[in-house]
PDB file of all heavy atoms in Angstrom:
ATOM      1  N   GLY A   1      93.663  88.322 106.859  1.00  0.00           N
ATOM      2  CA  GLY A   1      93.483  86.888 106.835  1.00  0.00           C
ATOM      3  C   GLY A   1      93.974  86.220 105.579  1.00  0.00           C
ATOM      4  O   GLY A   1      93.871  84.999 105.413  1.00  0.00           O
ATOM      5  N   GLY A   2      94.500  87.001 104.634  1.00  0.00           N
ATOM      6  CA  GLY A   2      95.081  86.437 103.410  1.00  0.00           C
ATOM      7  C   GLY A   2      94.103  86.272 102.274  1.00  0.00           C
ATOM      8  O   GLY A   2      94.441  85.721 101.207  1.00  0.00           O
ATOM      9  N   VAL A   3      92.885  86.751 102.434  1.00  0.00           N
ATOM     10  CA  VAL A   3      91.851  86.647 101.363  1.00  0.00           C
ATOM     11  C   VAL A   3      92.087  87.803 100.369  1.00  0.00           C
ATOM     12  O   VAL A   3      92.249  88.950 100.774  1.00  0.00           O
ATOM     13  CB  VAL A   3      90.424  86.730 101.941  1.00  0.00           C
ATOM     14  CG1 VAL A   3      89.406  86.722 100.849  1.00  0.00           C
ATOM     15  CG2 VAL A   3      90.223  85.580 102.939  1.00  0.00           C
ATOM     16  N   SER A   4      92.094  87.460  99.095  1.00  0.00           N
ATOM     17  CA  SER A   4      92.270  88.467  98.058  1.00  0.00           C
ATOM     18  C   SER A   4      90.950  88.804  97.401  1.00  0.00           C
ATOM     19  O   SER A   4      90.147  87.919  97.071  1.00  0.00           O
ATOM     20  CB  SER A   4      93.247  87.942  96.964  1.00  0.00           C
ATOM     21  OG  SER A   4      94.508  87.840  97.517  1.00  0.00           O
ATOM     22  N   HIS A   5      90.728  90.108  97.208  1.00  0.00           N
ATOM     23  CA  HIS A   5      89.581  90.602  96.490  1.00  0.00           C
ATOM     24  C   HIS A   5      90.122  91.429  95.301  1.00  0.00           C
ATOM     25  O   HIS A   5      91.013  92.276  95.512  1.00  0.00           O
ATOM     26  CB  HIS A   5      88.707  91.511  97.375  1.00  0.00           C
ATOM     27  CG  HIS A   5      88.202  90.810  98.575  1.00  0.00           C
ATOM     28  ND1 HIS A   5      87.056  90.002  98.553  1.00  0.00           N
ATOM     29  CD2 HIS A   5      88.631  90.797  99.846  1.00  0.00           C
ATOM     30  CE1 HIS A   5      86.859  89.534  99.778  1.00  0.00           C
ATOM     31  NE2 HIS A   5      87.802  90.014 100.584  1.00  0.00           N
ATOM     32  N   TRP A   6      89.616  91.201  94.115  1.00  0.00           N
ATOM     33  CA  TRP A   6      90.083  91.857  92.936  1.00  0.00           C
ATOM     34  C   TRP A   6      89.134  93.006  92.558  1.00  0.00           C
ATOM     35  O   TRP A   6      87.931  92.887  92.706  1.00  0.00           O
ATOM     36  CB  TRP A   6      90.224  90.890  91.806  1.00  0.00           C
ATOM     37  CG  TRP A   6      91.311  89.889  92.037  1.00  0.00           C
ATOM     38  CD1 TRP A   6      91.168  88.691  92.699  1.00  0.00           C
ATOM     39  CD2 TRP A   6      92.702  90.046  91.741  1.00  0.00           C
ATOM     40  NE1 TRP A   6      92.400  88.107  92.806  1.00  0.00           N
ATOM     41  CE2 TRP A   6      93.376  88.889  92.201  1.00  0.00           C
ATOM     42  CE3 TRP A   6      93.454  91.052  91.112  1.00  0.00           C
ATOM     43  CZ2 TRP A   6      94.722  88.692  92.072  1.00  0.00           C
ATOM     44  CZ3 TRP A   6      94.812  90.857  90.991  1.00  0.00           C
ATOM     45  CH2 TRP A   6      95.435  89.701  91.451  1.00  0.00           C
ATOM     46  N   CYS A   7      89.713  94.129  92.091  1.00  0.00           N
ATOM     47  CA  CYS A   7      88.933  95.267  91.743  1.00  0.00           C
ATOM     48  C   CYS A   7      89.432  95.835  90.418  1.00  0.00           C
ATOM     49  O   CYS A   7      90.651  95.980  90.204  1.00  0.00           O
ATOM     50  CB  CYS A   7      89.146  96.305  92.861  1.00  0.00           C
ATOM     51  SG  CYS A   7      88.415  97.913  92.520  1.00  0.00           S
ATOM     52  N   TRP A   8      88.528  96.168  89.529  1.00  0.00           N
ATOM     53  CA  TRP A   8      88.843  96.811  88.242  1.00  0.00           C
ATOM     54  C   TRP A   8      88.426  98.218  88.343  1.00  0.00           C
ATOM     55  O   TRP A   8      87.233  98.519  88.407  1.00  0.00           O
ATOM     56  CB  TRP A   8      88.118  96.052  87.099  1.00  0.00           C
ATOM     57  CG  TRP A   8      88.402  96.591  85.758  1.00  0.00           C
ATOM     58  CD1 TRP A   8      87.558  97.297  84.924  1.00  0.00           C
ATOM     59  CD2 TRP A   8      89.600  96.508  85.006  1.00  0.00           C
ATOM     60  NE1 TRP A   8      88.181  97.591  83.738  1.00  0.00           N
ATOM     61  CE2 TRP A   8      89.424  97.145  83.765  1.00  0.00           C
ATOM     62  CE3 TRP A   8      90.874  95.921  85.295  1.00  0.00           C
ATOM     63  CZ2 TRP A   8      90.453  97.228  82.802  1.00  0.00           C
ATOM     64  CZ3 TRP A   8      91.879  96.009  84.317  1.00  0.00           C
ATOM     65  CH2 TRP A   8      91.658  96.643  83.098  1.00  0.00           C
ATOM     66  N   ALA A   9      89.370  99.169  88.448  1.00  0.00           N
ATOM     67  CA  ALA A   9      89.081 100.613  88.572  1.00  0.00           C
ATOM     68  C   ALA A   9      89.166 101.240  87.193  1.00  0.00           C
ATOM     69  O   ALA A   9      90.063 100.953  86.407  1.00  0.00           O
ATOM     70  CB  ALA A   9      90.081 101.235  89.508  1.00  0.00           C
ATOM     71  N   GLU A  10      88.173 102.110  86.900  1.00  0.00           N
ATOM     72  CA  GLU A  10      88.101 102.787  85.620  1.00  0.00           C
ATOM     73  C   GLU A  10      87.954 104.297  85.814  1.00  0.00           C
ATOM     74  O   GLU A  10      87.160 104.749  86.603  1.00  0.00           O
ATOM     75  CB  GLU A  10      86.855 102.269  84.872  1.00  0.00           C
ATOM     76  CG  GLU A  10      86.933 100.757  84.658  1.00  0.00           C
ATOM     77  CD  GLU A  10      85.660 100.182  84.119  1.00  0.00           C
ATOM     78  OE1 GLU A  10      84.568 100.577  84.633  1.00  0.00           O
ATOM     79  OE2 GLU A  10      85.733  99.297  83.267  1.00  0.00           O
ATOM     80  N   GLN A  11      88.770 105.038  85.023  1.00  0.00           N
ATOM     81  CA  GLN A  11      88.770 106.509  85.142  1.00  0.00           C
ATOM     82  C   GLN A  11      87.408 107.117  84.835  1.00  0.00           C
ATOM     83  O   GLN A  11      86.982 108.058  85.471  1.00  0.00           O
ATOM     84  CB  GLN A  11      89.817 107.061  84.184  1.00  0.00           C
ATOM     85  CG  GLN A  11      89.899 108.557  84.217  1.00  0.00           C
ATOM     86  CD  GLN A  11      90.866 109.126  83.186  1.00  0.00           C
ATOM     87  OE1 GLN A  11      91.364 108.429  82.333  1.00  0.00           O
ATOM     88  NE2 GLN A  11      91.186 110.386  83.330  1.00  0.00           N
ATOM     89  N   PHE A  12      86.681 106.571  83.845  1.00  0.00           N
ATOM     90  CA  PHE A  12      85.439 107.230  83.441  1.00  0.00           C
ATOM     91  C   PHE A  12      84.375 107.255  84.503  1.00  0.00           C
ATOM     92  O   PHE A  12      83.427 108.038  84.472  1.00  0.00           O
ATOM     93  CB  PHE A  12      84.887 106.598  82.146  1.00  0.00           C
ATOM     94  CG  PHE A  12      84.155 105.345  82.303  1.00  0.00           C
ATOM     95  CD1 PHE A  12      82.790 105.317  82.516  1.00  0.00           C
ATOM     96  CD2 PHE A  12      84.810 104.102  82.263  1.00  0.00           C
ATOM     97  CE1 PHE A  12      82.078 104.160  82.652  1.00  0.00           C
ATOM     98  CE2 PHE A  12      84.104 102.941  82.428  1.00  0.00           C
ATOM     99  CZ  PHE A  12      82.735 102.956  82.608  1.00  0.00           C
ATOM    100  N   ARG A  13      84.474 106.355  85.501  1.00  0.00           N
ATOM    101  CA  ARG A  13      83.451 106.320  86.540  1.00  0.00           C
ATOM    102  C   ARG A  13      83.490 107.561  87.455  1.00  0.00           C
ATOM    103  O   ARG A  13      82.455 108.037  87.874  1.00  0.00           O
ATOM    104  CB  ARG A  13      83.634 105.059  87.401  1.00  0.00           C
ATOM    105  CG  ARG A  13      83.449 103.800  86.600  1.00  0.00           C
ATOM    106  CD  ARG A  13      82.651 102.802  87.344  1.00  0.00           C
ATOM    107  NE  ARG A  13      82.543 101.630  86.540  1.00  0.00           N
ATOM    108  CZ  ARG A  13      81.410 101.205  85.998  1.00  0.00           C
ATOM    109  NH1 ARG A  13      80.295 101.888  86.210  1.00  0.00           N
ATOM    110  NH2 ARG A  13      81.365 100.116  85.286  1.00  0.00           N
ATOM    111  N   ARG A  14      84.687 108.053  87.795  1.00  0.00           N
ATOM    112  CA  ARG A  14      84.844 109.265  88.582  1.00  0.00           C
ATOM    113  C   ARG A  14      86.054 109.986  88.121  1.00  0.00           C
ATOM    114  O   ARG A  14      87.099 110.037  88.823  1.00  0.00           O
ATOM    115  CB  ARG A  14      84.973 108.893  90.121  1.00  0.00           C
ATOM    116  CG  ARG A  14      83.788 108.173  90.614  1.00  0.00           C
ATOM    117  CD  ARG A  14      83.084 108.564  91.835  1.00  0.00           C
ATOM    118  NE  ARG A  14      83.403 109.734  92.552  1.00  0.00           N
ATOM    119  CZ  ARG A  14      83.532 109.765  93.845  1.00  0.00           C
ATOM    120  NH1 ARG A  14      83.481 108.678  94.555  1.00  0.00           N
ATOM    121  NH2 ARG A  14      83.733 110.905  94.481  1.00  0.00           N
ATOM    122  N   PRO A  15      86.014 110.613  86.960  1.00  0.00           N
ATOM    123  CA  PRO A  15      87.218 111.213  86.372  1.00  0.00           C
ATOM    124  C   PRO A  15      87.831 112.292  87.242  1.00  0.00           C
ATOM    125  O   PRO A  15      89.065 112.488  87.236  1.00  0.00           O
ATOM    126  CB  PRO A  15      86.746 111.808  85.032  1.00  0.00           C
ATOM    127  CG  PRO A  15      85.253 111.843  85.100  1.00  0.00           C
ATOM    128  CD  PRO A  15      84.867 110.781  86.088  1.00  0.00           C
ATOM    129  N   GLU A  16      87.017 112.999  88.031  1.00  0.00           N
ATOM    130  CA  GLU A  16      87.524 114.077  88.886  1.00  0.00           C
ATOM    131  C   GLU A  16      88.406 113.518  90.069  1.00  0.00           C
ATOM    132  O   GLU A  16      89.219 114.230  90.609  1.00  0.00           O
ATOM    133  CB  GLU A  16      86.384 114.928  89.397  1.00  0.00           C
ATOM    134  CG  GLU A  16      85.546 114.288  90.467  1.00  0.00           C
ATOM    135  CD  GLU A  16      84.488 113.306  89.952  1.00  0.00           C
ATOM    136  OE1 GLU A  16      84.400 113.065  88.737  1.00  0.00           O
ATOM    137  OE2 GLU A  16      83.752 112.738  90.760  1.00  0.00           O
ATOM    138  N   ARG A  17      88.218 112.249  90.375  1.00  0.00           N
ATOM    139  CA  ARG A  17      88.957 111.606  91.486  1.00  0.00           C
ATOM    140  C   ARG A  17      90.090 110.702  91.036  1.00  0.00           C
ATOM    141  O   ARG A  17      90.857 110.210  91.827  1.00  0.00           O
ATOM    142  CB  ARG A  17      87.991 110.805  92.373  1.00  0.00           C
ATOM    143  CG  ARG A  17      86.891 111.582  93.074  1.00  0.00           C
ATOM    144  CD  ARG A  17      87.375 112.725  93.949  1.00  0.00           C
ATOM    145  NE  ARG A  17      88.400 112.341  94.899  1.00  0.00           N
ATOM    146  CZ  ARG A  17      88.136 112.002  96.166  1.00  0.00           C
ATOM    147  NH1 ARG A  17      86.908 111.986  96.610  1.00  0.00           N
ATOM    148  NH2 ARG A  17      89.125 111.662  96.941  1.00  0.00           N
ATOM    149  N   TRP A  18      90.169 110.450  89.691  1.00  0.00           N
ATOM    150  CA  TRP A  18      91.158 109.514  89.164  1.00  0.00           C
ATOM    151  C   TRP A  18      92.602 109.901  89.589  1.00  0.00           C
ATOM    152  O   TRP A  18      93.354 109.031  90.007  1.00  0.00           O
ATOM    153  CB  TRP A  18      90.984 109.411  87.652  1.00  0.00           C
ATOM    154  CG  TRP A  18      91.826 108.308  87.064  1.00  0.00           C
ATOM    155  CD1 TRP A  18      92.923 108.469  86.302  1.00  0.00           C
ATOM    156  CD2 TRP A  18      91.648 106.914  87.228  1.00  0.00           C
ATOM    157  NE1 TRP A  18      93.458 107.227  85.966  1.00  0.00           N
ATOM    158  CE2 TRP A  18      92.656 106.258  86.512  1.00  0.00           C
ATOM    159  CE3 TRP A  18      90.708 106.097  87.892  1.00  0.00           C
ATOM    160  CZ2 TRP A  18      92.817 104.894  86.434  1.00  0.00           C
ATOM    161  CZ3 TRP A  18      90.826 104.745  87.803  1.00  0.00           C
ATOM    162  CH2 TRP A  18      91.866 104.107  87.107  1.00  0.00           C
ATOM    163  N   PRO A  19      93.032 111.161  89.411  1.00  0.00           N
ATOM    164  CA  PRO A  19      94.373 111.466  89.818  1.00  0.00           C
ATOM    165  C   PRO A  19      94.646 111.206  91.311  1.00  0.00           C
ATOM    166  O   PRO A  19      95.745 110.709  91.693  1.00  0.00           O
ATOM    167  CB  PRO A  19      94.513 112.982  89.521  1.00  0.00           C
ATOM    168  CG  PRO A  19      93.469 113.251  88.479  1.00  0.00           C
ATOM    169  CD  PRO A  19      92.363 112.329  88.798  1.00  0.00           C
ATOM    170  N   ASP A  20      93.661 111.407  92.147  1.00  0.00           N
ATOM    171  CA  ASP A  20      93.787 111.133  93.570  1.00  0.00           C
ATOM    172  C   ASP A  20      93.995 109.620  93.841  1.00  0.00           C
ATOM    173  O   ASP A  20      94.843 109.232  94.611  1.00  0.00           O
ATOM    174  CB  ASP A  20      92.554 111.636  94.351  1.00  0.00           C
ATOM    175  CG  ASP A  20      92.341 113.082  94.263  1.00  0.00           C
ATOM    176  OD1 ASP A  20      93.362 113.838  94.076  1.00  0.00           O
ATOM    177  OD2 ASP A  20      91.191 113.555  94.355  1.00  0.00           O
ATOM    178  N   LEU A  21      93.180 108.802  93.138  1.00  0.00           N
ATOM    179  CA  LEU A  21      93.301 107.367  93.288  1.00  0.00           C
ATOM    180  C   LEU A  21      94.674 106.919  92.838  1.00  0.00           C
ATOM    181  O   LEU A  21      95.330 106.141  93.517  1.00  0.00           O
ATOM    182  CB  LEU A  21      92.221 106.672  92.494  1.00  0.00           C
ATOM    183  CG  LEU A  21      92.322 105.095  92.474  1.00  0.00           C
ATOM    184  CD1 LEU A  21      92.194 104.558  93.896  1.00  0.00           C
ATOM    185  CD2 LEU A  21      91.340 104.510  91.535  1.00  0.00           C
ATOM    186  N   ARG A  22      95.152 107.401  91.677  1.00  0.00           N
ATOM    187  CA  ARG A  22      96.453 106.967  91.163  1.00  0.00           C
ATOM    188  C   ARG A  22      97.576 107.355  92.143  1.00  0.00           C
ATOM    189  O   ARG A  22      98.506 106.528  92.385  1.00  0.00           O
ATOM    190  CB  ARG A  22      96.675 107.582  89.804  1.00  0.00           C
ATOM    191  CG  ARG A  22      95.811 106.956  88.751  1.00  0.00           C
ATOM    192  CD  ARG A  22      96.175 107.385  87.364  1.00  0.00           C
ATOM    193  NE  ARG A  22      97.545 107.154  87.038  1.00  0.00           N
ATOM    194  CZ  ARG A  22      98.108 105.966  86.712  1.00  0.00           C
ATOM    195  NH1 ARG A  22      97.299 104.903  86.578  1.00  0.00           N
ATOM    196  NH2 ARG A  22      99.374 105.827  86.439  1.00  0.00           N
ATOM    197  N   ARG A  23      97.510 108.567  92.715  1.00  0.00           N
ATOM    198  CA  ARG A  23      98.507 108.939  93.669  1.00  0.00           C
ATOM    199  C   ARG A  23      98.497 108.049  94.914  1.00  0.00           C
ATOM    200  O   ARG A  23      99.501 107.614  95.431  1.00  0.00           O
ATOM    201  CB  ARG A  23      98.349 110.396  94.093  1.00  0.00           C
ATOM    202  CG  ARG A  23      98.865 111.397  93.066  1.00  0.00           C
ATOM    203  CD  ARG A  23      98.880 112.799  93.602  1.00  0.00           C
ATOM    204  NE  ARG A  23      97.511 113.317  93.882  1.00  0.00           N
ATOM    205  CZ  ARG A  23      96.760 113.953  93.000  1.00  0.00           C
ATOM    206  NH1 ARG A  23      97.174 114.156  91.780  1.00  0.00           N
ATOM    207  NH2 ARG A  23      95.578 114.397  93.305  1.00  0.00           N
ATOM    208  N   ALA A  24      97.282 107.768  95.372  1.00  0.00           N
ATOM    209  CA  ALA A  24      97.137 106.967  96.596  1.00  0.00           C
ATOM    210  C   ALA A  24      97.613 105.545  96.429  1.00  0.00           C
ATOM    211  O   ALA A  24      98.288 104.998  97.315  1.00  0.00           O
ATOM    212  CB  ALA A  24      95.647 107.025  97.039  1.00  0.00           C
ATOM    213  N   VAL A  25      97.269 104.914  95.294  1.00  0.00           N
ATOM    214  CA  VAL A  25      97.674 103.508  95.162  1.00  0.00           C
ATOM    215  C   VAL A  25      99.187 103.324  95.039  1.00  0.00           C
ATOM    216  O   VAL A  25      99.744 102.298  95.367  1.00  0.00           O
ATOM    217  CB  VAL A  25      97.007 102.768  93.978  1.00  0.00           C
ATOM    218  CG1 VAL A  25      95.515 102.706  94.146  1.00  0.00           C
ATOM    219  CG2 VAL A  25      97.383 103.372  92.626  1.00  0.00           C
ATOM    220  N   TYR A  26      99.896 104.402  94.606  1.00  0.00           N
ATOM    221  CA  TYR A  26     101.352 104.347  94.498  1.00  0.00           C
ATOM    222  C   TYR A  26     102.070 104.937  95.695  1.00  0.00           C
ATOM    223  O   TYR A  26     103.302 104.900  95.745  1.00  0.00           O
ATOM    224  CB  TYR A  26     101.788 104.960  93.214  1.00  0.00           C
ATOM    225  CG  TYR A  26     101.526 104.128  92.017  1.00  0.00           C
ATOM    226  CD1 TYR A  26     100.573 104.522  91.076  1.00  0.00           C
ATOM    227  CD2 TYR A  26     102.192 102.918  91.838  1.00  0.00           C
ATOM    228  CE1 TYR A  26     100.307 103.682  89.961  1.00  0.00           C
ATOM    229  CE2 TYR A  26     101.910 102.101  90.740  1.00  0.00           C
ATOM    230  CZ  TYR A  26     100.985 102.492  89.818  1.00  0.00           C
ATOM    231  OH  TYR A  26     100.686 101.698  88.744  1.00  0.00           O
ATOM    232  N   SER A  27     101.321 105.457  96.668  1.00  0.00           N
ATOM    233  CA  SER A  27     101.954 106.026  97.892  1.00  0.00           C
ATOM    234  C   SER A  27     102.197 104.890  98.872  1.00  0.00           C
ATOM    235  O   SER A  27     101.443 103.951  98.943  1.00  0.00           O
ATOM    236  CB  SER A  27     101.027 107.060  98.516  1.00  0.00           C
ATOM    237  OG  SER A  27     100.844 108.151  97.705  1.00  0.00           O
ATOM    238  N   ARG A  28     103.216 105.088  99.651  1.00  0.00           N
ATOM    239  CA  ARG A  28     103.503 104.143 100.723  1.00  0.00           C
ATOM    240  C   ARG A  28     102.687 104.522 101.986  1.00  0.00           C
ATOM    241  O   ARG A  28     102.434 105.712 102.228  1.00  0.00           O
ATOM    242  CB  ARG A  28     104.989 104.127 101.078  1.00  0.00           C
ATOM    243  CG  ARG A  28     105.837 103.712  99.929  1.00  0.00           C
ATOM    244  CD  ARG A  28     107.152 103.235 100.412  1.00  0.00           C
ATOM    245  NE  ARG A  28     108.044 102.889  99.338  1.00  0.00           N
ATOM    246  CZ  ARG A  28     108.115 101.650  98.850  1.00  0.00           C
ATOM    247  NH1 ARG A  28     107.327 100.709  99.281  1.00  0.00           N
ATOM    248  NH2 ARG A  28     108.942 101.399  97.860  1.00  0.00           N
ATOM    249  N   ALA A  29     102.329 103.539 102.754  1.00  0.00           N
ATOM    250  CA  ALA A  29     101.617 103.803 104.007  1.00  0.00           C
ATOM    251  C   ALA A  29     102.545 104.551 104.997  1.00  0.00           C
ATOM    252  O   ALA A  29     103.762 104.401 104.929  1.00  0.00           O
ATOM    253  CB  ALA A  29     101.161 102.490 104.657  1.00  0.00           C
ATOM    254  N   LYS A  30     101.958 105.336 105.805  1.00  0.00           N
ATOM    255  CA  LYS A  30     102.705 106.082 106.819  1.00  0.00           C
ATOM    256  C   LYS A  30     103.273 105.132 107.864  1.00  0.00           C
ATOM    257  O   LYS A  30     102.567 104.212 108.311  1.00  0.00           O
ATOM    258  CB  LYS A  30     101.813 107.097 107.543  1.00  0.00           C
ATOM    259  CG  LYS A  30     101.252 108.148 106.619  1.00  0.00           C
ATOM    260  CD  LYS A  30     100.310 109.045 107.373  1.00  0.00           C
ATOM    261  CE  LYS A  30      99.583 110.008 106.449  1.00  0.00           C
ATOM    262  NZ  LYS A  30      98.555 110.751 107.137  1.00  0.00           N
ATOM    263  N   SER A  31     104.476 105.284 108.275  1.00  0.00           N
ATOM    264  CA  SER A  31     105.083 104.486 109.296  1.00  0.00           C
ATOM    265  C   SER A  31     104.734 105.054 110.643  1.00  0.00           C
ATOM    266  O   SER A  31     104.399 106.207 110.802  1.00  0.00           O
ATOM    267  CB  SER A  31     106.600 104.366 109.119  1.00  0.00           C
ATOM    268  OG  SER A  31     107.177 105.585 109.262  1.00  0.00           O
ATOM    269  N   ALA A  32     104.849 104.250 111.684  1.00  0.00           N
ATOM    270  CA  ALA A  32     104.507 104.671 113.048  1.00  0.00           C
ATOM    271  C   ALA A  32     105.472 105.785 113.496  1.00  0.00           C
ATOM    272  O   ALA A  32     105.043 106.735 114.152  1.00  0.00           O
ATOM    273  CB  ALA A  32     104.593 103.511 114.008  1.00  0.00           C
ATOM    274  N   ALA A  33     106.753 105.676 113.186  1.00  0.00           N
ATOM    275  CA  ALA A  33     107.694 106.735 113.561  1.00  0.00           C
ATOM    276  C   ALA A  33     108.682 106.893 112.411  1.00  0.00           C
ATOM    277  O   ALA A  33     109.282 105.981 111.923  1.00  0.00           O
ATOM    278  CB  ALA A  33     108.439 106.308 114.817  1.00  0.00           C
ATOM    279  N   VAL A  34     108.874 108.142 112.012  1.00  0.00           N
ATOM    280  CA  VAL A  34     109.798 108.474 110.979  1.00  0.00           C
ATOM    281  C   VAL A  34     111.048 108.960 111.638  1.00  0.00           C
ATOM    282  O   VAL A  34     110.962 109.770 112.572  1.00  0.00           O
ATOM    283  CB  VAL A  34     109.199 109.578 110.025  1.00  0.00           C
ATOM    284  CG1 VAL A  34     110.211 109.928 108.962  1.00  0.00           C
ATOM    285  CG2 VAL A  34     107.914 109.094 109.429  1.00  0.00           C
ATOM    286  N   PRO A  35     112.282 108.449 111.236  1.00  0.00           N
ATOM    287  CA  PRO A  35     113.493 108.818 111.999  1.00  0.00           C
ATOM    288  C   PRO A  35     113.676 110.320 112.236  1.00  0.00           C
ATOM    289  O   PRO A  35     114.074 110.699 113.317  1.00  0.00           O
ATOM    290  CB  PRO A  35     114.613 108.265 111.096  1.00  0.00           C
ATOM    291  CG  PRO A  35     113.951 107.146 110.370  1.00  0.00           C
ATOM    292  CD  PRO A  35     112.509 107.584 110.175  1.00  0.00           C
ATOM    293  N   HIS A  36     113.334 111.193 111.308  1.00  0.00           N
ATOM    294  CA  HIS A  36     113.521 112.617 111.558  1.00  0.00           C
ATOM    295  C   HIS A  36     112.480 113.232 112.500  1.00  0.00           C
ATOM    296  O   HIS A  36     112.615 114.337 112.890  1.00  0.00           O
ATOM    297  CB  HIS A  36     113.603 113.384 110.227  1.00  0.00           C
ATOM    298  CG  HIS A  36     112.319 113.428 109.483  1.00  0.00           C
ATOM    299  ND1 HIS A  36     111.592 112.345 109.125  1.00  0.00           N
ATOM    300  CD2 HIS A  36     111.650 114.510 109.003  1.00  0.00           C
ATOM    301  CE1 HIS A  36     110.523 112.690 108.506  1.00  0.00           C
ATOM    302  NE2 HIS A  36     110.524 114.000 108.412  1.00  0.00           N
ATOM    303  N   ASP A  37     111.499 112.447 112.852  1.00  0.00           N
ATOM    304  CA  ASP A  37     110.479 112.912 113.825  1.00  0.00           C
ATOM    305  C   ASP A  37     110.877 112.556 115.247  1.00  0.00           C
ATOM    306  O   ASP A  37     110.230 112.937 116.213  1.00  0.00           O
ATOM    307  CB  ASP A  37     109.127 112.282 113.528  1.00  0.00           C
ATOM    308  CG  ASP A  37     108.482 112.859 112.305  1.00  0.00           C
ATOM    309  OD1 ASP A  37     108.950 113.933 111.856  1.00  0.00           O
ATOM    310  OD2 ASP A  37     107.564 112.255 111.741  1.00  0.00           O
ATOM    311  N   ILE A  38     111.897 111.730 115.427  1.00  0.00           N
ATOM    312  CA  ILE A  38     112.343 111.324 116.793  1.00  0.00           C
ATOM    313  C   ILE A  38     113.302 112.333 117.319  1.00  0.00           C
ATOM    314  O   ILE A  38     114.311 112.607 116.682  1.00  0.00           O
ATOM    315  CB  ILE A  38     112.970 109.877 116.719  1.00  0.00           C
ATOM    316  CG1 ILE A  38     111.947 108.874 116.158  1.00  0.00           C
ATOM    317  CG2 ILE A  38     113.461 109.476 118.084  1.00  0.00           C
ATOM    318  CD1 ILE A  38     112.517 107.532 115.889  1.00  0.00           C
ATOM    319  N   PRO A  39     113.011 112.915 118.456  1.00  0.00           N
ATOM    320  CA  PRO A  39     113.905 113.950 118.999  1.00  0.00           C
ATOM    321  C   PRO A  39     115.259 113.348 119.417  1.00  0.00           C
ATOM    322  O   PRO A  39     115.295 112.227 119.927  1.00  0.00           O
ATOM    323  CB  PRO A  39     113.169 114.473 120.193  1.00  0.00           C
ATOM    324  CG  PRO A  39     112.089 113.493 120.553  1.00  0.00           C
ATOM    325  CD  PRO A  39     111.845 112.699 119.294  1.00  0.00           C
ATOM    326  N   GLU A  40     116.291 114.094 119.155  1.00  0.00           N
ATOM    327  CA  GLU A  40     117.621 113.619 119.574  1.00  0.00           C
ATOM    328  C   GLU A  40     117.900 114.068 120.982  1.00  0.00           C
ATOM    329  O   GLU A  40     117.452 115.134 121.418  1.00  0.00           O
ATOM    330  CB  GLU A  40     118.689 114.231 118.626  1.00  0.00           C
ATOM    331  CG  GLU A  40     118.550 113.742 117.214  1.00  0.00           C
ATOM    332  CD  GLU A  40     119.668 114.340 116.333  1.00  0.00           C
ATOM    333  OE1 GLU A  40     120.716 114.717 116.869  1.00  0.00           O
ATOM    334  OE2 GLU A  40     119.423 114.411 115.103  1.00  0.00           O
ATOM    335  N   THR A  41     118.634 113.243 121.698  1.00  0.00           N
ATOM    336  CA  THR A  41     118.987 113.606 123.071  1.00  0.00           C
ATOM    337  C   THR A  41     120.454 114.086 123.066  1.00  0.00           C
ATOM    338  O   THR A  41     121.271 113.558 122.347  1.00  0.00           O
ATOM    339  CB  THR A  41     118.819 112.413 124.057  1.00  0.00           C
ATOM    340  OG1 THR A  41     119.618 111.306 123.553  1.00  0.00           O
ATOM    341  CG2 THR A  41     117.379 111.971 124.110  1.00  0.00           C
TER     342      THR A  41
END
């Protein structure tokens, strides 16, 4: 709906999960179909 919510994330709150969070925020979302997944005829 276009509403923005701001979040301040801090490593010290869950240091064991920090690398996971950093990887996830910089990862792209999965697309519905990836060209190499489509079978060729």
